[in-house]
Amino acid sequence: MGGSEMVGVRTGELGALSSDYRISAEVLCGQAERLAEQTFGDGGTAGRNYARQGIAVHQGLARISTWLRDWSDATAATADALGAAVVVYAETDRQRATQTDAM
């Protein structure tokens, strides 16, 4: 077997990944809010003869906004799980080091 025999987790990198996911979740949420604020299709903004198409566009934007919120929620949950893993790894490492020192 070539390479390093080290087995471990780089908690700093895992924490940075969690932070990156958190930022992505916030961006997705912001875009979902921007889409939700769009009123195109309400009140005839598509034009008098295009009300049906305007409503369809409005409904499509609302669906995309919902999907982005769901994606944001899933990304935030992933960030939380990664952050929790960092805490667990660090605590486990501390406990094992204490046990090793006691031997």
C-alpha atoms as a PDB file:
ATOM      1  CA  MET A   1       0.000   0.000   0.000  1.00  0.00           C
ATOM      2  CA  GLY A   2       1.535   3.321  -1.026  1.00  0.00           C
ATOM      3  CA  GLY A   3       1.146   6.693   0.569  1.00  0.00           C
ATOM      4  CA  SER A   4       0.362   7.675   4.113  1.00  0.00           C
ATOM      5  CA  GLU A   5      -0.917   5.213   6.665  1.00  0.00           C
ATOM      6  CA  MET A   6      -2.575   8.030   8.626  1.00  0.00           C
ATOM      7  CA  VAL A   7      -6.256   7.721   9.271  1.00  0.00           C
ATOM      8  CA  GLY A   8      -7.988  10.824  10.494  1.00  0.00           C
ATOM      9  CA  VAL A   9     -10.256  13.727   9.880  1.00  0.00           C
ATOM     10  CA  ARG A  10      -9.069  17.248   9.310  1.00  0.00           C
ATOM     11  CA  THR A  11     -11.654  19.004  11.432  1.00  0.00           C
ATOM     12  CA  GLY A  12     -10.535  22.462  10.305  1.00  0.00           C
ATOM     13  CA  GLU A  13     -11.276  21.593   6.691  1.00  0.00           C
ATOM     14  CA  LEU A  14     -14.547  19.954   7.665  1.00  0.00           C
ATOM     15  CA  GLY A  15     -15.503  23.103   9.580  1.00  0.00           C
ATOM     16  CA  ALA A  16     -14.600  25.263   6.569  1.00  0.00           C
ATOM     17  CA  LEU A  17     -16.793  23.069   4.370  1.00  0.00           C
ATOM     18  CA  SER A  18     -19.642  23.535   6.836  1.00  0.00           C
ATOM     19  CA  SER A  19     -19.139  27.295   6.636  1.00  0.00           C
ATOM     20  CA  ASP A  20     -19.162  27.181   2.823  1.00  0.00           C
ATOM     21  CA  TYR A  21     -22.427  25.226   2.897  1.00  0.00           C
ATOM     22  CA  ARG A  22     -23.929  27.780   5.290  1.00  0.00           C
ATOM     23  CA  ILE A  23     -23.017  30.617   2.896  1.00  0.00           C
ATOM     24  CA  SER A  24     -24.547  28.697  -0.019  1.00  0.00           C
ATOM     25  CA  ALA A  25     -27.756  28.145   1.959  1.00  0.00           C
ATOM     26  CA  GLU A  26     -28.004  31.877   2.662  1.00  0.00           C
ATOM     27  CA  VAL A  27     -27.477  32.747  -1.014  1.00  0.00           C
ATOM     28  CA  LEU A  28     -30.137  30.257  -2.085  1.00  0.00           C
ATOM     29  CA  CYS A  29     -32.563  31.638   0.486  1.00  0.00           C
ATOM     30  CA  GLY A  30     -31.920  35.178  -0.745  1.00  0.00           C
ATOM     31  CA  GLN A  31     -32.618  34.180  -4.334  1.00  0.00           C
ATOM     32  CA  ALA A  32     -35.809  32.410  -3.270  1.00  0.00           C
ATOM     33  CA  GLU A  33     -36.952  35.613  -1.566  1.00  0.00           C
ATOM     34  CA  ARG A  34     -36.149  37.692  -4.665  1.00  0.00           C
ATOM     35  CA  LEU A  35     -38.237  35.382  -6.825  1.00  0.00           C
ATOM     36  CA  ALA A  36     -41.093  35.351  -4.315  1.00  0.00           C
ATOM     37  CA  GLU A  37     -41.206  39.161  -4.516  1.00  0.00           C
ATOM     38  CA  GLN A  38     -41.794  39.089  -8.276  1.00  0.00           C
ATOM     39  CA  THR A  39     -45.353  40.062  -9.082  1.00  0.00           C
ATOM     40  CA  PHE A  40     -45.186  39.499 -12.825  1.00  0.00           C
ATOM     41  CA  GLY A  41     -48.474  38.046 -13.964  1.00  0.00           C
ATOM     42  CA  ASP A  42     -50.498  39.630 -11.175  1.00  0.00           C
ATOM     43  CA  GLY A  43     -52.823  42.403 -12.228  1.00  0.00           C
ATOM     44  CA  GLY A  44     -52.279  42.222 -15.966  1.00  0.00           C
ATOM     45  CA  THR A  45     -48.572  43.097 -16.096  1.00  0.00           C
ATOM     46  CA  ALA A  46     -48.160  40.595 -18.929  1.00  0.00           C
ATOM     47  CA  GLY A  47     -50.546  42.592 -21.030  1.00  0.00           C
ATOM     48  CA  ARG A  48     -54.272  42.647 -21.447  1.00  0.00           C
ATOM     49  CA  ASN A  49     -54.338  39.778 -23.931  1.00  0.00           C
ATOM     50  CA  TYR A  50     -51.754  37.680 -22.102  1.00  0.00           C
ATOM     51  CA  ALA A  51     -53.232  37.298 -18.644  1.00  0.00           C
ATOM     52  CA  ARG A  52     -53.198  33.485 -18.813  1.00  0.00           C
ATOM     53  CA  GLN A  53     -49.515  33.429 -19.805  1.00  0.00           C
ATOM     54  CA  GLY A  54     -48.678  35.999 -17.126  1.00  0.00           C
ATOM     55  CA  ILE A  55     -50.356  33.886 -14.478  1.00  0.00           C
ATOM     56  CA  ALA A  56     -48.400  30.833 -15.698  1.00  0.00           C
ATOM     57  CA  VAL A  57     -45.126  32.778 -15.437  1.00  0.00           C
ATOM     58  CA  HIS A  58     -46.061  33.977 -11.943  1.00  0.00           C
ATOM     59  CA  GLN A  59     -46.899  30.437 -10.825  1.00  0.00           C
ATOM     60  CA  GLY A  60     -43.655  29.128 -12.312  1.00  0.00           C
ATOM     61  CA  LEU A  61     -41.631  31.743 -10.427  1.00  0.00           C
ATOM     62  CA  ALA A  62     -43.452  30.798  -7.221  1.00  0.00           C
ATOM     63  CA  ARG A  63     -42.594  27.107  -7.761  1.00  0.00           C
ATOM     64  CA  ILE A  64     -38.939  27.926  -8.408  1.00  0.00           C
ATOM     65  CA  SER A  65     -38.892  30.038  -5.253  1.00  0.00           C
ATOM     66  CA  THR A  66     -40.228  27.082  -3.267  1.00  0.00           C
ATOM     67  CA  TRP A  67     -37.638  24.743  -4.772  1.00  0.00           C
ATOM     68  CA  LEU A  68     -34.850  27.201  -3.901  1.00  0.00           C
ATOM     69  CA  ARG A  69     -36.120  27.421  -0.314  1.00  0.00           C
ATOM     70  CA  ASP A  70     -36.157  23.632  -0.083  1.00  0.00           C
ATOM     71  CA  TRP A  71     -32.630  23.495  -1.505  1.00  0.00           C
ATOM     72  CA  SER A  72     -31.559  26.163   0.974  1.00  0.00           C
ATOM     73  CA  ASP A  73     -33.068  24.212   3.880  1.00  0.00           C
ATOM     74  CA  ALA A  74     -31.327  20.997   2.779  1.00  0.00           C
ATOM     75  CA  THR A  75     -28.013  22.813   2.374  1.00  0.00           C
ATOM     76  CA  ALA A  76     -28.359  24.407   5.821  1.00  0.00           C
ATOM     77  CA  ALA A  77     -29.144  20.986   7.326  1.00  0.00           C
ATOM     78  CA  THR A  78     -26.014  19.595   5.682  1.00  0.00           C
ATOM     79  CA  ALA A  79     -23.984  22.483   7.129  1.00  0.00           C
ATOM     80  CA  ASP A  80     -25.423  21.715  10.576  1.00  0.00           C
ATOM     81  CA  ALA A  81     -24.522  18.024  10.249  1.00  0.00           C
ATOM     82  CA  LEU A  82     -20.969  18.854   9.164  1.00  0.00           C
ATOM     83  CA  GLY A  83     -20.586  21.302  12.046  1.00  0.00           C
ATOM     84  CA  ALA A  84     -21.893  18.720  14.506  1.00  0.00           C
ATOM     85  CA  ALA A  85     -19.442  16.162  13.118  1.00  0.00           C
ATOM     86  CA  VAL A  86     -16.569  18.558  13.823  1.00  0.00           C
ATOM     87  CA  VAL A  87     -17.671  18.797  17.453  1.00  0.00           C
ATOM     88  CA  VAL A  88     -18.019  15.013  17.782  1.00  0.00           C
ATOM     89  CA  TYR A  89     -14.630  14.345  16.185  1.00  0.00           C
ATOM     90  CA  ALA A  90     -12.922  16.920  18.395  1.00  0.00           C
ATOM     91  CA  GLU A  91     -14.569  15.584  21.564  1.00  0.00           C
ATOM     92  CA  THR A  92     -13.753  11.973  20.669  1.00  0.00           C
ATOM     93  CA  ASP A  93     -10.155  12.948  19.985  1.00  0.00           C
ATOM     94  CA  ARG A  94      -9.947  14.761  23.325  1.00  0.00           C
ATOM     95  CA  GLN A  95     -11.383  11.764  25.180  1.00  0.00           C
ATOM     96  CA  ARG A  96      -9.005   9.323  23.492  1.00  0.00           C
ATOM     97  CA  ALA A  97      -6.022  11.577  24.211  1.00  0.00           C
ATOM     98  CA  THR A  98      -7.037  11.724  27.882  1.00  0.00           C
ATOM     99  CA  GLN A  99      -7.348   7.936  28.019  1.00  0.00           C
ATOM    100  CA  THR A 100      -3.978   7.490  26.308  1.00  0.00           C
ATOM    101  CA  ASP A 101      -2.295   9.916  28.708  1.00  0.00           C
ATOM    102  CA  ALA A 102      -3.758   7.959  31.658  1.00  0.00           C
ATOM    103  CA  MET A 103      -2.118   4.703  30.547  1.00  0.00           C
END
